[in-house]
Amino acid sequence: MLTFTLDTNCIIALDEKRPEAAHLQSLIAAHDAGNADVGLVAISASERQKKGGPLEDFRHFEQRLASLGLDRLVLLPPMFYWDLGFWDQALWADDEKEALELKIHSVLFPNIDFLWSVFCQARGVDQNSHEARWRNAKCDVQALWTHIHHHRDVFVTSDMNFHHAGKKPQLIQLGAGRIESPQTAISLV
């Protein structure tokens, strides 16, 4: 049985009933039938929310998942980052984990500084702010890192940055397995 990891865009698609939501619902139905193992990345709780800012409490994210009928899917923890992740929903990193994260970041976001402090210094941004561009990049990197770290088979996303012809092969070489859109992911079940 294949394992599938849904990124934040999949949750948004389901929440907003976007066209790809039907494909995602089919994938979740396959999970319920025991024909697929579908999981979510816990870093999705750290993305900017509908109301504009990050969540202060992970329980709010769990409530959102429950309202979408996604609370039965496994939540895969990312690396812990202070002021980005949630204490009980993250893993401590070591040099090997950090090296993989840097490689993923270099492929996906070569023009965004890897470290928050460097990003802020280069742009004159206050380090106490929640700069959306850097945060979004870090969450995207952590979503794929989480997928790879947990040895999942198929990363499901509608984010074209992951599907970019020059990037996708490099990400697969780093251990991503397959990177599929919701439309193509369901065909694998």
Protein backbone atom coordinates (compact mmCIF):
# COMPACT_ATOMS: atom_id res chain seq x y z
CA MET A 1 0.00 0.00 0.00
CA LEU A 2 1.31 3.44 -0.93
CA THR A 3 1.67 6.21 1.62
CA PHE A 4 0.57 9.72 0.63
CA THR A 5 1.47 13.00 2.31
CA LEU A 6 -0.90 15.94 1.76
CA ASP A 7 0.63 19.39 1.98
CA THR A 8 -1.02 22.57 3.24
CA ASN A 9 -2.44 23.40 -0.19
CA CYS A 10 -4.47 20.19 -0.05
CA ILE A 11 -6.05 21.25 3.23
CA ILE A 12 -6.86 24.65 1.74
CA ALA A 13 -8.35 23.02 -1.37
CA LEU A 14 -10.63 20.90 0.78
CA ASP A 15 -11.58 23.83 2.99
CA GLU A 16 -12.36 26.11 0.04
CA LYS A 17 -13.91 23.34 -2.06
CA ARG A 18 -11.54 23.98 -4.95
CA PRO A 19 -11.75 21.73 -8.04
CA GLU A 20 -8.98 19.42 -6.78
CA ALA A 21 -10.96 18.74 -3.58
CA ALA A 22 -12.90 15.94 -5.31
CA HIS A 23 -9.63 14.12 -6.06
CA LEU A 24 -8.47 14.59 -2.49
CA GLN A 25 -11.77 13.26 -1.16
CA SER A 26 -11.27 10.16 -3.34
CA LEU A 27 -7.78 9.72 -1.89
CA ILE A 28 -9.15 10.04 1.65
CA ALA A 29 -11.89 7.52 0.79
CA ALA A 30 -9.13 5.13 -0.35
CA HIS A 31 -7.46 5.68 3.03
CA ASP A 32 -10.71 4.88 4.82
CA ALA A 33 -11.12 1.73 2.72
CA GLY A 34 -7.61 0.57 3.63
CA ASN A 35 -6.27 1.00 0.08
CA ALA A 36 -3.94 3.92 0.88
CA ASP A 37 -2.26 5.49 3.88
CA VAL A 38 -2.85 9.25 3.81
CA GLY A 39 -1.16 11.64 6.20
CA LEU A 40 -0.83 15.37 6.80
CA VAL A 41 2.18 17.48 7.71
CA ALA A 42 1.82 19.10 11.11
CA ILE A 43 3.78 22.12 9.81
CA SER A 44 0.53 23.12 8.07
CA ALA A 45 -0.55 24.55 11.43
CA SER A 46 2.37 26.99 11.21
CA GLU A 47 1.34 28.43 7.84
CA ARG A 48 -0.42 31.76 7.70
CA GLN A 49 -4.10 31.13 8.41
CA LYS A 50 -7.24 32.58 6.82
CA LYS A 51 -7.28 35.42 9.32
CA GLY A 52 -3.76 36.42 8.27
CA GLY A 53 -1.47 35.33 11.06
CA PRO A 54 -0.10 32.09 12.47
CA LEU A 55 -1.98 30.03 15.04
CA GLU A 56 -1.03 30.39 18.68
CA ASP A 57 -2.47 27.03 19.73
CA PHE A 58 -2.21 23.69 17.92
CA ARG A 59 -5.68 22.71 19.16
CA HIS A 60 -7.16 25.29 16.77
CA PHE A 61 -5.53 23.43 13.88
CA GLU A 62 -6.83 20.11 15.18
CA GLN A 63 -10.33 21.63 15.35
CA ARG A 64 -10.00 22.79 11.74
CA LEU A 65 -8.95 19.29 10.66
CA ALA A 66 -11.91 17.80 12.54
CA SER A 67 -14.31 20.23 10.86
CA LEU A 68 -12.97 19.06 7.48
CA GLY A 69 -13.16 15.38 8.45
CA LEU A 70 -9.37 15.05 8.36
CA ASP A 71 -8.77 14.29 12.03
CA ARG A 72 -8.52 10.55 11.32
CA LEU A 73 -5.40 11.05 9.18
CA VAL A 74 -1.97 10.71 10.75
CA LEU A 75 -0.15 13.97 11.54
CA LEU A 76 3.52 13.82 10.65
CA PRO A 77 5.78 16.01 12.82
CA PRO A 78 8.37 18.33 11.22
CA MET A 79 11.63 19.61 12.70
CA PHE A 80 11.17 21.93 15.65
CA TYR A 81 11.76 25.64 15.08
CA TRP A 82 11.22 28.07 17.92
CA ASP A 83 8.37 30.49 17.15
CA LEU A 84 7.38 28.48 14.08
CA GLY A 85 6.46 24.99 15.20
CA PHE A 86 4.54 23.54 18.09
CA TRP A 87 6.42 21.91 20.95
CA ASP A 88 4.46 18.64 21.07
CA GLN A 89 4.21 18.34 17.29
CA ALA A 90 7.86 18.47 16.25
CA LEU A 91 11.13 16.56 16.26
CA TRP A 92 14.55 17.63 17.49
CA ALA A 93 17.03 17.96 14.66
CA ASP A 94 20.57 16.70 14.28
CA ASP A 95 23.23 17.54 11.70
CA GLU A 96 21.95 14.96 9.21
CA LYS A 97 18.37 16.25 9.41
CA GLU A 98 19.52 19.83 9.04
CA ALA A 99 21.69 18.95 6.04
CA LEU A 100 18.69 17.44 4.24
CA GLU A 101 16.60 20.50 5.06
CA LEU A 102 19.25 22.81 3.61
CA LYS A 103 19.41 20.74 0.41
CA ILE A 104 15.62 20.90 -0.01
CA HIS A 105 15.64 24.64 0.67
CA SER A 106 18.42 25.20 -1.88
CA VAL A 107 16.35 23.50 -4.57
CA LEU A 108 12.98 25.07 -3.76
CA PHE A 109 14.04 28.56 -2.70
CA PRO A 110 17.53 29.42 -3.96
CA ASN A 111 16.74 33.16 -3.68
CA ILE A 112 15.50 33.13 -0.08
CA ASP A 113 18.02 33.00 2.74
CA PHE A 114 17.91 29.75 4.69
CA LEU A 115 18.35 31.34 8.13
CA TRP A 116 15.79 33.77 9.52
CA SER A 117 18.49 36.03 10.98
CA VAL A 118 20.29 36.31 7.62
CA PHE A 119 16.99 36.92 5.80
CA CYS A 120 16.15 39.75 8.21
CA GLN A 121 19.61 41.31 8.08
CA ALA A 122 19.71 41.26 4.26
CA ARG A 123 16.30 42.93 4.01
CA GLY A 124 16.33 45.17 7.06
CA VAL A 125 13.41 43.26 8.59
CA ASP A 126 12.82 43.24 12.33
CA GLN A 127 13.57 39.72 13.61
CA ASN A 128 10.45 39.91 15.79
CA SER A 129 8.17 40.24 12.78
CA HIS A 130 6.45 37.30 11.07
CA GLU A 131 7.77 37.84 7.56
CA ALA A 132 5.31 35.86 5.42
CA ARG A 133 7.69 35.12 2.53
CA TRP A 134 10.38 33.47 4.68
CA ARG A 135 7.82 31.67 6.84
CA ASN A 136 6.01 30.26 3.80
CA ALA A 137 9.30 29.04 2.32
CA LYS A 138 10.32 27.40 5.62
CA CYS A 139 6.93 25.68 5.92
CA ASP A 140 7.12 24.39 2.33
CA VAL A 141 10.62 23.04 2.95
CA GLN A 142 9.52 21.45 6.20
CA ALA A 143 6.51 19.86 4.51
CA LEU A 144 8.74 18.01 2.06
CA TRP A 145 11.40 17.32 4.70
CA THR A 146 8.70 15.73 6.88
CA HIS A 147 7.51 13.59 3.97
CA ILE A 148 11.04 12.37 3.26
CA HIS A 149 11.96 11.88 6.92
CA HIS A 150 8.91 9.71 7.55
CA HIS A 151 9.69 7.58 4.46
CA ARG A 152 6.43 8.36 2.66
CA ASP A 153 5.89 7.40 -0.99
CA VAL A 154 3.89 10.19 -2.65
CA PHE A 155 3.98 13.89 -1.80
CA VAL A 156 0.69 15.47 -2.91
CA THR A 157 0.65 19.18 -3.72
CA SER A 158 -0.82 21.65 -6.17
CA ASP A 159 2.07 24.06 -5.52
CA MET A 160 3.80 24.37 -8.89
CA ASN A 161 7.16 25.13 -7.25
CA PHE A 162 7.37 21.41 -6.37
CA HIS A 163 6.39 20.41 -9.91
CA HIS A 164 8.88 22.74 -11.65
CA ALA A 165 10.74 20.75 -14.32
CA GLY A 166 14.15 21.82 -13.02
CA LYS A 167 13.35 21.20 -9.35
CA LYS A 168 11.20 18.06 -9.23
CA PRO A 169 13.97 15.64 -10.32
CA GLN A 170 16.33 17.09 -7.70
CA LEU A 171 13.69 16.73 -4.98
CA ILE A 172 13.06 13.14 -6.01
CA GLN A 173 16.79 12.49 -5.84
CA LEU A 174 16.77 13.81 -2.26
CA GLY A 175 14.26 11.11 -1.34
CA ALA A 176 10.83 12.59 -2.14
CA GLY A 177 9.70 9.45 -3.97
CA ARG A 178 6.92 10.78 -6.16
CA ILE A 179 5.57 14.32 -6.25
CA GLU A 180 2.04 14.37 -7.63
CA SER A 181 -0.90 16.73 -7.96
CA PRO A 182 -4.17 15.70 -6.33
CA GLN A 183 -5.45 14.82 -9.81
CA THR A 184 -2.61 12.39 -10.56
CA ALA A 185 -2.17 11.05 -7.02
CA ILE A 186 -5.55 9.32 -6.97
CA SER A 187 -4.65 7.37 -10.12
CA LEU A 188 -1.92 5.60 -8.10
CA VAL A 189 -4.39 3.89 -5.76
